[in-house]
C-alpha atoms as a PDB file:
ATOM      1  CA  UNK A   1      -0.011   0.402   0.228  1.00  0.00           C
ATOM      2  CA  UNK A   2       1.221   3.287  -1.016  1.00  0.00           C
ATOM      3  CA  UNK A   3       0.442   6.918   0.339  1.00  0.00           C
ATOM      4  CA  UNK A   4       0.913  10.512  -0.536  1.00  0.00           C
ATOM      5  CA  UNK A   5       1.466  13.101   1.590  1.00  0.00           C
ATOM      6  CA  UNK A   6       0.274  15.952   0.236  1.00  0.00           C
ATOM      7  CA  UNK A   7       0.660  20.183   1.358  1.00  0.00           C
ATOM      8  CA  UNK A   8      -0.748  23.367  -0.288  1.00  0.00           C
ATOM      9  CA  UNK A   9      -0.026  26.699  -0.230  1.00  0.00           C
ATOM     10  CA  UNK A  10      -2.007  29.805  -1.094  1.00  0.00           C
ATOM     11  CA  UNK A  11      -1.717  33.163  -2.681  1.00  0.00           C
ATOM     12  CA  UNK A  12      -3.919  34.705  -0.639  1.00  0.00           C
ATOM     13  CA  UNK A  13      -4.824  32.159   2.150  1.00  0.00           C
ATOM     14  CA  UNK A  14      -8.341  32.284   0.536  1.00  0.00           C
ATOM     15  CA  UNK A  15     -10.240  28.901  -0.095  1.00  0.00           C
ATOM     16  CA  UNK A  16     -12.649  30.620  -2.763  1.00  0.00           C
ATOM     17  CA  UNK A  17     -10.366  32.449  -4.929  1.00  0.00           C
ATOM     18  CA  UNK A  18      -8.222  30.170  -6.985  1.00  0.00           C
ATOM     19  CA  UNK A  19      -5.574  30.718  -4.909  1.00  0.00           C
ATOM     20  CA  UNK A  20      -3.694  27.716  -5.126  1.00  0.00           C
ATOM     21  CA  UNK A  21       0.123  27.960  -5.901  1.00  0.00           C
ATOM     22  CA  UNK A  22       2.107  25.440  -5.165  1.00  0.00           C
ATOM     23  CA  UNK A  23       1.050  21.328  -4.239  1.00  0.00           C
ATOM     24  CA  UNK A  24       4.055  19.770  -2.265  1.00  0.00           C
ATOM     25  CA  UNK A  25       3.460  15.540  -3.382  1.00  0.00           C
ATOM     26  CA  UNK A  26       5.364  12.789  -1.642  1.00  0.00           C
ATOM     27  CA  UNK A  27       5.104   8.959  -2.324  1.00  0.00           C
ATOM     28  CA  UNK A  28       5.500   6.535   0.659  1.00  0.00           C
ATOM     29  CA  UNK A  29       5.163   3.308   1.641  1.00  0.00           C
ATOM     30  CA  UNK A  30       2.902   2.375   4.248  1.00  0.00           C
ATOM     31  CA  UNK A  31       6.150   2.210   6.858  1.00  0.00           C
ATOM     32  CA  UNK A  32       6.670   5.945   5.576  1.00  0.00           C
ATOM     33  CA  UNK A  33       9.556   5.651   3.846  1.00  0.00           C
ATOM     34  CA  UNK A  34       9.794   8.154   1.022  1.00  0.00           C
ATOM     35  CA  UNK A  35       9.522   6.666  -3.085  1.00  0.00           C
ATOM     36  CA  UNK A  36       9.165  10.398  -4.468  1.00  0.00           C
ATOM     37  CA  UNK A  37       8.987  13.753  -3.965  1.00  0.00           C
ATOM     38  CA  UNK A  38       7.436  16.365  -5.990  1.00  0.00           C
ATOM     39  CA  UNK A  39       6.579  19.905  -5.694  1.00  0.00           C
ATOM     40  CA  UNK A  40       4.355  21.341  -8.385  1.00  0.00           C
ATOM     41  CA  UNK A  41       3.671  25.224  -8.822  1.00  0.00           C
ATOM     42  CA  UNK A  42       0.900  26.665 -10.907  1.00  0.00           C
ATOM     43  CA  UNK A  43      -0.056  30.472 -11.417  1.00  0.00           C
ATOM     44  CA  UNK A  44      -2.855  31.711  -9.078  1.00  0.00           C
ATOM     45  CA  UNK A  45      -5.926  33.120 -10.464  1.00  0.00           C
ATOM     46  CA  UNK A  46      -6.224  36.294  -8.207  1.00  0.00           C
ATOM     47  CA  UNK A  47      -3.964  39.005  -9.899  1.00  0.00           C
ATOM     48  CA  UNK A  48      -2.137  40.375  -6.022  1.00  0.00           C
ATOM     49  CA  UNK A  49      -0.226  38.197  -3.865  1.00  0.00           C
ATOM     50  CA  UNK A  50      -1.447  38.383   0.052  1.00  0.00           C
ATOM     51  CA  UNK A  51       0.914  36.157   1.236  1.00  0.00           C
ATOM     52  CA  UNK A  52       4.128  34.377   0.730  1.00  0.00           C
ATOM     53  CA  UNK A  53       5.749  37.694  -0.300  1.00  0.00           C
ATOM     54  CA  UNK A  54       8.260  39.892   1.169  1.00  0.00           C
ATOM     55  CA  UNK A  55       5.961  42.860   0.653  1.00  0.00           C
ATOM     56  CA  UNK A  56       3.309  41.055   3.210  1.00  0.00           C
ATOM     57  CA  UNK A  57       5.939  39.376   5.250  1.00  0.00           C
ATOM     58  CA  UNK A  58       5.465  41.517   8.722  1.00  0.00           C
ATOM     59  CA  UNK A  59       1.417  41.344   8.282  1.00  0.00           C
ATOM     60  CA  UNK A  60       1.677  36.984   7.396  1.00  0.00           C
ATOM     61  CA  UNK A  61       5.132  36.166   9.192  1.00  0.00           C
ATOM     62  CA  UNK A  62       4.526  33.988   5.385  1.00  0.00           C
ATOM     63  CA  UNK A  63       7.661  34.036   3.508  1.00  0.00           C
ATOM     64  CA  UNK A  64       7.777  31.175   0.567  1.00  0.00           C
ATOM     65  CA  UNK A  65      10.490  30.084  -1.173  1.00  0.00           C
ATOM     66  CA  UNK A  66       9.804  31.198  -4.673  1.00  0.00           C
ATOM     67  CA  UNK A  67       9.365  34.364  -5.689  1.00  0.00           C
ATOM     68  CA  UNK A  68       5.926  35.657  -7.050  1.00  0.00           C
ATOM     69  CA  UNK A  69       7.685  35.886 -10.893  1.00  0.00           C
ATOM     70  CA  UNK A  70       8.501  31.854 -10.147  1.00  0.00           C
ATOM     71  CA  UNK A  71       4.464  31.772  -9.704  1.00  0.00           C
ATOM     72  CA  UNK A  72       3.398  33.883 -12.746  1.00  0.00           C
ATOM     73  CA  UNK A  73       5.674  31.873 -14.724  1.00  0.00           C
ATOM     74  CA  UNK A  74       4.070  28.040 -14.173  1.00  0.00           C
ATOM     75  CA  UNK A  75       1.702  26.783 -15.717  1.00  0.00           C
ATOM     76  CA  UNK A  76      -2.410  27.374 -14.762  1.00  0.00           C
ATOM     77  CA  UNK A  77      -3.498  24.706 -12.610  1.00  0.00           C
ATOM     78  CA  UNK A  78      -5.608  23.398 -15.595  1.00  0.00           C
ATOM     79  CA  UNK A  79      -2.793  22.320 -17.526  1.00  0.00           C
ATOM     80  CA  UNK A  80      -1.346  20.282 -13.752  1.00  0.00           C
ATOM     81  CA  UNK A  81      -4.653  18.998 -13.286  1.00  0.00           C
ATOM     82  CA  UNK A  82      -3.872  15.875 -14.784  1.00  0.00           C
ATOM     83  CA  UNK A  83      -0.500  15.757 -13.424  1.00  0.00           C
ATOM     84  CA  UNK A  84      -1.518  15.877  -9.883  1.00  0.00           C
ATOM     85  CA  UNK A  85      -4.596  13.300 -10.643  1.00  0.00           C
ATOM     86  CA  UNK A  86      -2.178  10.114 -10.699  1.00  0.00           C
ATOM     87  CA  UNK A  87      -0.351  11.364  -7.371  1.00  0.00           C
ATOM     88  CA  UNK A  88      -3.777  10.695  -6.277  1.00  0.00           C
ATOM     89  CA  UNK A  89      -5.105   7.592  -8.313  1.00  0.00           C
ATOM     90  CA  UNK A  90      -5.138   4.305  -6.244  1.00  0.00           C
ATOM     91  CA  UNK A  91      -3.643   5.715  -3.050  1.00  0.00           C
ATOM     92  CA  UNK A  92      -4.551   7.337   0.683  1.00  0.00           C
ATOM     93  CA  UNK A  93      -3.495  10.451   1.456  1.00  0.00           C
ATOM     94  CA  UNK A  94      -2.235  11.878   4.266  1.00  0.00           C
ATOM     95  CA  UNK A  95      -1.702  15.213   5.183  1.00  0.00           C
ATOM     96  CA  UNK A  96      -0.919  18.143   8.170  1.00  0.00           C
ATOM     97  CA  UNK A  97      -4.146  20.125   9.307  1.00  0.00           C
ATOM     98  CA  UNK A  98      -5.706  19.002   5.791  1.00  0.00           C
ATOM     99  CA  UNK A  99      -9.047  21.278   5.875  1.00  0.00           C
ATOM    100  CA  UNK A 100      -7.006  23.962   3.886  1.00  0.00           C
ATOM    101  CA  UNK A 101      -5.246  21.886   1.443  1.00  0.00           C
ATOM    102  CA  UNK A 102      -8.569  20.196   0.667  1.00  0.00           C
ATOM    103  CA  UNK A 103     -10.220  23.637  -0.061  1.00  0.00           C
ATOM    104  CA  UNK A 104      -7.774  25.114  -1.920  1.00  0.00           C
ATOM    105  CA  UNK A 105      -7.773  21.834  -4.043  1.00  0.00           C
ATOM    106  CA  UNK A 106     -11.671  21.236  -4.230  1.00  0.00           C
ATOM    107  CA  UNK A 107     -11.652  25.155  -5.079  1.00  0.00           C
ATOM    108  CA  UNK A 108      -8.731  24.880  -7.826  1.00  0.00           C
ATOM    109  CA  UNK A 109     -10.393  22.284  -9.288  1.00  0.00           C
ATOM    110  CA  UNK A 110     -14.139  24.141  -9.333  1.00  0.00           C
ATOM    111  CA  UNK A 111     -12.581  27.160 -11.234  1.00  0.00           C
ATOM    112  CA  UNK A 112     -11.933  25.746 -14.146  1.00  0.00           C
ATOM    113  CA  UNK A 113     -14.738  23.448 -13.920  1.00  0.00           C
ATOM    114  CA  UNK A 114     -12.788  20.156 -13.490  1.00  0.00           C
ATOM    115  CA  UNK A 115     -13.882  17.081 -11.370  1.00  0.00           C
ATOM    116  CA  UNK A 116     -12.885  17.568  -8.022  1.00  0.00           C
ATOM    117  CA  UNK A 117     -10.124  14.974  -6.600  1.00  0.00           C
ATOM    118  CA  UNK A 118     -11.924  12.124  -4.946  1.00  0.00           C
ATOM    119  CA  UNK A 119      -9.859  10.018  -2.054  1.00  0.00           C
ATOM    120  CA  UNK A 120     -10.114   9.112   1.548  1.00  0.00           C
ATOM    121  CA  UNK A 121      -7.419  10.875   3.781  1.00  0.00           C
ATOM    122  CA  UNK A 122      -6.078  10.540   7.344  1.00  0.00           C
ATOM    123  CA  UNK A 123      -4.832  14.267   8.858  1.00  0.00           C
ATOM    124  CA  UNK A 124      -1.493  13.907  10.656  1.00  0.00           C
ATOM    125  CA  UNK A 125      -2.482  16.436  12.859  1.00  0.00           C
ATOM    126  CA  UNK A 126      -5.643  14.724  14.456  1.00  0.00           C
ATOM    127  CA  UNK A 127      -3.701  10.894  14.991  1.00  0.00           C
ATOM    128  CA  UNK A 128      -0.877  13.042  16.586  1.00  0.00           C
ATOM    129  CA  UNK A 129      -3.273  14.732  19.230  1.00  0.00           C
ATOM    130  CA  UNK A 130      -4.805  10.747  19.809  1.00  0.00           C
ATOM    131  CA  UNK A 131      -1.295   9.159  20.569  1.00  0.00           C
ATOM    132  CA  UNK A 132      -0.794  12.627  22.814  1.00  0.00           C
ATOM    133  CA  UNK A 133      -4.385  14.146  23.849  1.00  0.00           C
ATOM    134  CA  UNK A 134      -2.494  15.526  26.436  1.00  0.00           C
ATOM    135  CA  UNK A 135      -0.620  18.222  23.609  1.00  0.00           C
ATOM    136  CA  UNK A 136      -1.231  21.766  23.931  1.00  0.00           C
ATOM    137  CA  UNK A 137       0.140  22.936  20.807  1.00  0.00           C
ATOM    138  CA  UNK A 138      -0.157  21.103  17.501  1.00  0.00           C
ATOM    139  CA  UNK A 139       1.604  23.138  15.049  1.00  0.00           C
ATOM    140  CA  UNK A 140       3.869  21.784  12.860  1.00  0.00           C
ATOM    141  CA  UNK A 141       6.417  23.745  13.801  1.00  0.00           C
ATOM    142  CA  UNK A 142       6.361  22.671  17.292  1.00  0.00           C
ATOM    143  CA  UNK A 143       6.006  19.345  16.763  1.00  0.00           C
ATOM    144  CA  UNK A 144       9.014  19.684  14.166  1.00  0.00           C
ATOM    145  CA  UNK A 145      11.432  21.278  17.116  1.00  0.00           C
ATOM    146  CA  UNK A 146       9.581  18.655  19.740  1.00  0.00           C
ATOM    147  CA  UNK A 147      11.517  15.631  17.114  1.00  0.00           C
ATOM    148  CA  UNK A 148      14.625  17.537  16.509  1.00  0.00           C
ATOM    149  CA  UNK A 149      14.075  18.707  12.783  1.00  0.00           C
ATOM    150  CA  UNK A 150      14.932  21.189  11.500  1.00  0.00           C
ATOM    151  CA  UNK A 151      12.747  22.100   7.550  1.00  0.00           C
ATOM    152  CA  UNK A 152      12.265  25.360   5.191  1.00  0.00           C
ATOM    153  CA  UNK A 153       8.098  26.619   5.968  1.00  0.00           C
ATOM    154  CA  UNK A 154       5.914  27.033   3.295  1.00  0.00           C
ATOM    155  CA  UNK A 155       7.784  25.085   0.936  1.00  0.00           C
ATOM    156  CA  UNK A 156       4.948  22.520  -0.357  1.00  0.00           C
ATOM    157  CA  UNK A 157       7.404  19.310  -0.522  1.00  0.00           C
ATOM    158  CA  UNK A 158       9.295  20.525   2.003  1.00  0.00           C
ATOM    159  CA  UNK A 159       6.253  20.975   4.478  1.00  0.00           C
ATOM    160  CA  UNK A 160       4.812  17.789   3.249  1.00  0.00           C
ATOM    161  CA  UNK A 161       8.158  15.741   4.021  1.00  0.00           C
ATOM    162  CA  UNK A 162       8.535  16.990   7.502  1.00  0.00           C
ATOM    163  CA  UNK A 163       4.566  15.863   8.161  1.00  0.00           C
ATOM    164  CA  UNK A 164       5.609  12.864   7.107  1.00  0.00           C
ATOM    165  CA  UNK A 165       8.825  12.761   9.211  1.00  0.00           C
ATOM    166  CA  UNK A 166       6.641  14.132  12.662  1.00  0.00           C
ATOM    167  CA  UNK A 167       3.741  11.609  11.558  1.00  0.00           C
ATOM    168  CA  UNK A 168       6.511   8.575  11.513  1.00  0.00           C
ATOM    169  CA  UNK A 169       8.063   9.291  14.572  1.00  0.00           C
ATOM    170  CA  UNK A 170       5.109   9.435  16.125  1.00  0.00           C
ATOM    171  CA  UNK A 171       3.361   6.151  15.320  1.00  0.00           C
ATOM    172  CA  UNK A 172       6.788   4.502  15.414  1.00  0.00           C
ATOM    173  CA  UNK A 173       6.178   4.634  19.322  1.00  0.00           C
ATOM    174  CA  UNK A 174       3.002   2.279  18.552  1.00  0.00           C
ATOM    175  CA  UNK A 175       4.389  -0.083  15.897  1.00  0.00           C
ATOM    176  CA  UNK A 176       3.610   2.071  12.555  1.00  0.00           C
ATOM    177  CA  UNK A 177       0.733   3.649  10.941  1.00  0.00           C
ATOM    178  CA  UNK A 178      -1.268   0.687  10.086  1.00  0.00           C
ATOM    179  CA  UNK A 179      -0.951  -0.489  14.024  1.00  0.00           C
ATOM    180  CA  UNK A 180      -2.203   2.585  15.459  1.00  0.00           C
ATOM    181  CA  UNK A 181      -5.079   2.944  12.848  1.00  0.00           C
ATOM    182  CA  UNK A 182      -6.185  -0.101  13.667  1.00  0.00           C
ATOM    183  CA  UNK A 183      -5.830   0.451  18.040  1.00  0.00           C
ATOM    184  CA  UNK A 184      -7.377   3.448  17.547  1.00  0.00           C
ATOM    185  CA  UNK A 185     -10.194   2.257  14.931  1.00  0.00           C
ATOM    186  CA  UNK A 186      -9.036   5.372  13.427  1.00  0.00           C
ATOM    187  CA  UNK A 187     -11.360   5.480   9.776  1.00  0.00           C
ATOM    188  CA  UNK A 188     -10.248   7.656   6.664  1.00  0.00           C
ATOM    189  CA  UNK A 189     -12.400  10.998   6.018  1.00  0.00           C
ATOM    190  CA  UNK A 190     -13.614  11.194   2.492  1.00  0.00           C
ATOM    191  CA  UNK A 191     -13.199  14.357  -0.275  1.00  0.00           C
ATOM    192  CA  UNK A 192     -15.559  13.248  -3.028  1.00  0.00           C
ATOM    193  CA  UNK A 193     -17.551  15.646  -5.598  1.00  0.00           C
ATOM    194  CA  UNK A 194     -20.284  17.021  -3.243  1.00  0.00           C
ATOM    195  CA  UNK A 195     -17.808  17.709   0.057  1.00  0.00           C
ATOM    196  CA  UNK A 196     -15.871  15.875   2.599  1.00  0.00           C
ATOM    197  CA  UNK A 197     -15.908  14.707   6.013  1.00  0.00           C
ATOM    198  CA  UNK A 198     -12.774  14.362   8.384  1.00  0.00           C
ATOM    199  CA  UNK A 199     -11.480  11.254   9.741  1.00  0.00           C
ATOM    200  CA  UNK A 200     -12.397  10.060  13.415  1.00  0.00           C
ATOM    201  CA  UNK A 201     -11.232   7.948  15.858  1.00  0.00           C
ATOM    202  CA  UNK A 202     -14.041   5.102  17.782  1.00  0.00           C
ATOM    203  CA  UNK A 203     -11.090   5.588  20.712  1.00  0.00           C
ATOM    204  CA  UNK A 204     -12.660   8.604  21.288  1.00  0.00           C
ATOM    205  CA  UNK A 205     -16.360   7.672  20.477  1.00  0.00           C
ATOM    206  CA  UNK A 206     -15.525   4.640  23.432  1.00  0.00           C
ATOM    207  CA  UNK A 207     -13.222   7.207  25.449  1.00  0.00           C
ATOM    208  CA  UNK A 208     -10.509   4.733  25.221  1.00  0.00           C
ATOM    209  CA  UNK A 209      -6.486   5.457  26.440  1.00  0.00           C
ATOM    210  CA  UNK A 210      -7.884   8.556  28.374  1.00  0.00           C
ATOM    211  CA  UNK A 211      -9.129  10.100  24.964  1.00  0.00           C
ATOM    212  CA  UNK A 212     -12.303  12.312  25.940  1.00  0.00           C
ATOM    213  CA  UNK A 213     -15.016  13.549  23.683  1.00  0.00           C
ATOM    214  CA  UNK A 214     -14.715  16.727  22.777  1.00  0.00           C
ATOM    215  CA  UNK A 215     -18.626  18.975  23.418  1.00  0.00           C
ATOM    216  CA  UNK A 216     -18.248  19.317  19.936  1.00  0.00           C
ATOM    217  CA  UNK A 217     -18.880  15.234  19.307  1.00  0.00           C
ATOM    218  CA  UNK A 218     -20.760  14.972  22.505  1.00  0.00           C
ATOM    219  CA  UNK A 219     -23.660  17.565  20.639  1.00  0.00           C
ATOM    220  CA  UNK A 220     -23.365  16.023  17.830  1.00  0.00           C
ATOM    221  CA  UNK A 221     -24.219  12.344  19.582  1.00  0.00           C
ATOM    222  CA  UNK A 222     -26.918  13.977  21.645  1.00  0.00           C
ATOM    223  CA  UNK A 223     -27.955  16.212  18.608  1.00  0.00           C
ATOM    224  CA  UNK A 224     -28.067  13.419  16.163  1.00  0.00           C
ATOM    225  CA  UNK A 225     -29.862  10.988  18.034  1.00  0.00           C
ATOM    226  CA  UNK A 226     -32.722  13.808  19.195  1.00  0.00           C
ATOM    227  CA  UNK A 227     -33.534  14.132  14.868  1.00  0.00           C
ATOM    228  CA  UNK A 228     -33.781  10.501  15.155  1.00  0.00           C
ATOM    229  CA  UNK A 229     -36.481   9.623  17.628  1.00  0.00           C
ATOM    230  CA  UNK A 230     -40.265   8.916  16.098  1.00  0.00           C
ATOM    231  CA  UNK A 231     -42.698  11.261  15.204  1.00  0.00           C
ATOM    232  CA  UNK A 232     -45.819  11.742  17.639  1.00  0.00           C
ATOM    233  CA  UNK A 233     -48.020  13.835  19.086  1.00  0.00           C
ATOM    234  CA  UNK A 234     -47.763  14.661  22.536  1.00  0.00           C
ATOM    235  CA  UNK A 235     -46.723  18.012  25.031  1.00  0.00           C
ATOM    236  CA  UNK A 236     -43.757  19.324  23.785  1.00  0.00           C
ATOM    237  CA  UNK A 237     -41.003  19.199  26.618  1.00  0.00           C
ATOM    238  CA  UNK A 238     -37.866  21.632  26.028  1.00  0.00           C
ATOM    239  CA  UNK A 239     -34.580  21.805  28.476  1.00  0.00           C
ATOM    240  CA  UNK A 240     -32.266  24.269  29.678  1.00  0.00           C
ATOM    241  CA  UNK A 241     -29.448  25.012  27.971  1.00  0.00           C
ATOM    242  CA  UNK A 242     -27.765  23.440  31.634  1.00  0.00           C
ATOM    243  CA  UNK A 243     -29.606  20.100  31.306  1.00  0.00           C
ATOM    244  CA  UNK A 244     -28.479  19.483  27.712  1.00  0.00           C
ATOM    245  CA  UNK A 245     -24.976  20.111  28.639  1.00  0.00           C
ATOM    246  CA  UNK A 246     -25.000  17.066  30.890  1.00  0.00           C
ATOM    247  CA  UNK A 247     -23.519  13.131  30.296  1.00  0.00           C
ATOM    248  CA  UNK A 248     -25.566  12.261  26.753  1.00  0.00           C
ATOM    249  CA  UNK A 249     -26.243   9.187  28.057  1.00  0.00           C
ATOM    250  CA  UNK A 250     -28.289  10.901  30.888  1.00  0.00           C
ATOM    251  CA  UNK A 251     -29.803  13.077  28.736  1.00  0.00           C
ATOM    252  CA  UNK A 252     -30.601  10.583  25.725  1.00  0.00           C
ATOM    253  CA  UNK A 253     -32.072   8.086  28.813  1.00  0.00           C
ATOM    254  CA  UNK A 254     -33.933  11.033  29.738  1.00  0.00           C
ATOM    255  CA  UNK A 255     -35.484  11.457  26.412  1.00  0.00           C
ATOM    256  CA  UNK A 256     -36.156   7.952  26.174  1.00  0.00           C
ATOM    257  CA  UNK A 257     -38.053   7.751  29.005  1.00  0.00           C
ATOM    258  CA  UNK A 258     -40.149  11.030  28.384  1.00  0.00           C
ATOM    259  CA  UNK A 259     -40.858  10.180  24.719  1.00  0.00           C
ATOM    260  CA  UNK A 260     -42.305   6.373  26.052  1.00  0.00           C
ATOM    261  CA  UNK A 261     -44.844   8.584  28.604  1.00  0.00           C
ATOM    262  CA  UNK A 262     -46.128  10.343  25.618  1.00  0.00           C
ATOM    263  CA  UNK A 263     -44.077  13.476  25.912  1.00  0.00           C
ATOM    264  CA  UNK A 264     -42.017  14.401  22.531  1.00  0.00           C
ATOM    265  CA  UNK A 265     -38.408  17.022  22.436  1.00  0.00           C
ATOM    266  CA  UNK A 266     -38.807  20.640  21.118  1.00  0.00           C
ATOM    267  CA  UNK A 267     -35.615  22.703  21.087  1.00  0.00           C
ATOM    268  CA  UNK A 268     -37.416  26.093  20.981  1.00  0.00           C
ATOM    269  CA  UNK A 269     -39.021  27.809  24.182  1.00  0.00           C
ATOM    270  CA  UNK A 270     -41.409  29.349  22.664  1.00  0.00           C
ATOM    271  CA  UNK A 271     -43.151  26.767  21.542  1.00  0.00           C
ATOM    272  CA  UNK A 272     -43.194  24.308  24.393  1.00  0.00           C
ATOM    273  CA  UNK A 273     -45.541  22.958  27.356  1.00  0.00           C
ATOM    274  CA  UNK A 274     -43.266  21.999  29.794  1.00  0.00           C
ATOM    275  CA  UNK A 275     -40.148  23.617  30.447  1.00  0.00           C
ATOM    276  CA  UNK A 276     -37.235  21.814  32.831  1.00  0.00           C
ATOM    277  CA  UNK A 277     -34.721  23.755  34.640  1.00  0.00           C
ATOM    278  CA  UNK A 278     -31.474  23.531  35.624  1.00  0.00           C
ATOM    279  CA  UNK A 279     -29.698  25.663  37.686  1.00  0.00           C
ATOM    280  CA  UNK A 280     -29.038  28.831  36.621  1.00  0.00           C
ATOM    281  CA  UNK A 281     -31.752  30.416  34.111  1.00  0.00           C
ATOM    282  CA  UNK A 282     -30.472  30.538  30.605  1.00  0.00           C
ATOM    283  CA  UNK A 283     -31.980  32.482  27.351  1.00  0.00           C
ATOM    284  CA  UNK A 284     -34.222  29.452  27.177  1.00  0.00           C
ATOM    285  CA  UNK A 285     -35.534  30.165  30.340  1.00  0.00           C
ATOM    286  CA  UNK A 286     -35.628  33.849  29.699  1.00  0.00           C
ATOM    287  CA  UNK A 287     -37.447  33.378  26.319  1.00  0.00           C
ATOM    288  CA  UNK A 288     -39.609  31.082  28.326  1.00  0.00           C
ATOM    289  CA  UNK A 289     -40.345  33.713  30.792  1.00  0.00           C
ATOM    290  CA  UNK A 290     -41.265  36.871  28.410  1.00  0.00           C
ATOM    291  CA  UNK A 291     -43.835  34.231  26.272  1.00  0.00           C
ATOM    292  CA  UNK A 292     -47.064  36.536  26.520  1.00  0.00           C
ATOM    293  CA  UNK A 293     -49.276  33.941  25.773  1.00  0.00           C
ATOM    294  CA  UNK A 294     -50.084  30.843  27.418  1.00  0.00           C
ATOM    295  CA  UNK A 295     -47.227  29.567  30.377  1.00  0.00           C
ATOM    296  CA  UNK A 296     -45.184  26.375  30.184  1.00  0.00           C
ATOM    297  CA  UNK A 297     -45.067  24.232  33.007  1.00  0.00           C
ATOM    298  CA  UNK A 298     -41.998  24.201  34.583  1.00  0.00           C
ATOM    299  CA  UNK A 299     -40.460  21.637  36.395  1.00  0.00           C
ATOM    300  CA  UNK A 300     -37.056  20.701  37.788  1.00  0.00           C
ATOM    301  CA  UNK A 301     -34.683  18.430  36.354  1.00  0.00           C
ATOM    302  CA  UNK A 302     -35.227  15.827  39.476  1.00  0.00           C
ATOM    303  CA  UNK A 303     -39.155  16.249  39.352  1.00  0.00           C
ATOM    304  CA  UNK A 304     -38.685  15.248  36.027  1.00  0.00           C
ATOM    305  CA  UNK A 305     -36.934  12.187  36.607  1.00  0.00           C
ATOM    306  CA  UNK A 306     -39.454  11.193  39.048  1.00  0.00           C
ATOM    307  CA  UNK A 307     -42.089  11.366  36.907  1.00  0.00           C
ATOM    308  CA  UNK A 308     -40.153   9.654  33.215  1.00  0.00           C
ATOM    309  CA  UNK A 309     -39.634   7.370  35.820  1.00  0.00           C
ATOM    310  CA  UNK A 310     -35.841   7.682  35.090  1.00  0.00           C
ATOM    311  CA  UNK A 311     -33.249   5.464  37.396  1.00  0.00           C
ATOM    312  CA  UNK A 312     -30.127   4.570  35.358  1.00  0.00           C
ATOM    313  CA  UNK A 313     -28.643   5.608  32.310  1.00  0.00           C
ATOM    314  CA  UNK A 314     -29.235   3.162  28.882  1.00  0.00           C
ATOM    315  CA  UNK A 315     -26.834   1.707  27.223  1.00  0.00           C
ATOM    316  CA  UNK A 316     -25.957   3.357  23.900  1.00  0.00           C
ATOM    317  CA  UNK A 317     -24.350   1.948  20.107  1.00  0.00           C
ATOM    318  CA  UNK A 318     -22.704   5.478  19.605  1.00  0.00           C
ATOM    319  CA  UNK A 319     -20.045   3.773  16.630  1.00  0.00           C
ATOM    320  CA  UNK A 320     -22.590   3.236  13.902  1.00  0.00           C
ATOM    321  CA  UNK A 321     -24.644   6.289  15.088  1.00  0.00           C
ATOM    322  CA  UNK A 322     -20.952   8.467  14.672  1.00  0.00           C
ATOM    323  CA  UNK A 323     -20.594   6.764  11.528  1.00  0.00           C
ATOM    324  CA  UNK A 324     -23.511   8.094   9.970  1.00  0.00           C
ATOM    325  CA  UNK A 325     -23.518  11.793  11.286  1.00  0.00           C
ATOM    326  CA  UNK A 326     -19.539  11.694   9.742  1.00  0.00           C
ATOM    327  CA  UNK A 327     -20.421  10.829   7.118  1.00  0.00           C
ATOM    328  CA  UNK A 328     -23.705  12.768   6.581  1.00  0.00           C
ATOM    329  CA  UNK A 329     -20.673  16.276   6.418  1.00  0.00           C
ATOM    330  CA  UNK A 330     -20.643  16.851   3.405  1.00  0.00           C
END
């Protein structure tokens, strides 16, 4: 199996103006040994550089390894598209903090009415954070310094190469990249014609190895679960946001129990018949109190536990739920 490690540069830092000006491509084997390396320049669409040139160095702190003149002499993206596509064909992509790289490449394809490149990918920064959840600074320069790697920043093939070295150092401590992907159940991200979703790990979902689900993931679990609740008539219940910030298994258990009792969920305080309070009033409760028409019945969370018959949390299959959630993010 072969990987390509990619890095890109933009002459404006924007991902909607055809500003892609270089693509670094590193072909590696599954041990992350380098097979080939290339830096492909292209003449960007914007008439002016606002990133990477000497004129804007003080403002952006970014200087490219090539002059603007060298970029302007390079072919347009449409003329190097087939060459770049060849690198992606049949390979899984690796990159450091890949969102911008994906956006720049997609934007370049869109600007020239070319099919977007379709590929699976793993984000090196994400993998490093899985292995080192205690790390607070995870930029490429910081991690390279940590491993004693010196390099020329903002040259695409150089950044791609250093990204591969950072990844190799990180995963070799755990038996290699394939071992880490397997142990942490990392699912690749996917870029397609319709958009992309990022890679994700079942180890985070299950909170293994000391990993914790972020608030964003907790919210995704809750609202994805609630959105799949059956359609039924009943008294509409709105929770204080303080309730929804509690343990996601607990909140879902309360929701399941209240549906069994004939209640339904709403996040609109202006539309509810029942409002569940917990702690200090938040904007939902304040909105409810300003409502001039009929008033909703308020219960504290502990009172509502008794109404719905709460005893202990139910168990949920979040691996399947989050798989559906991530695959919908396009």
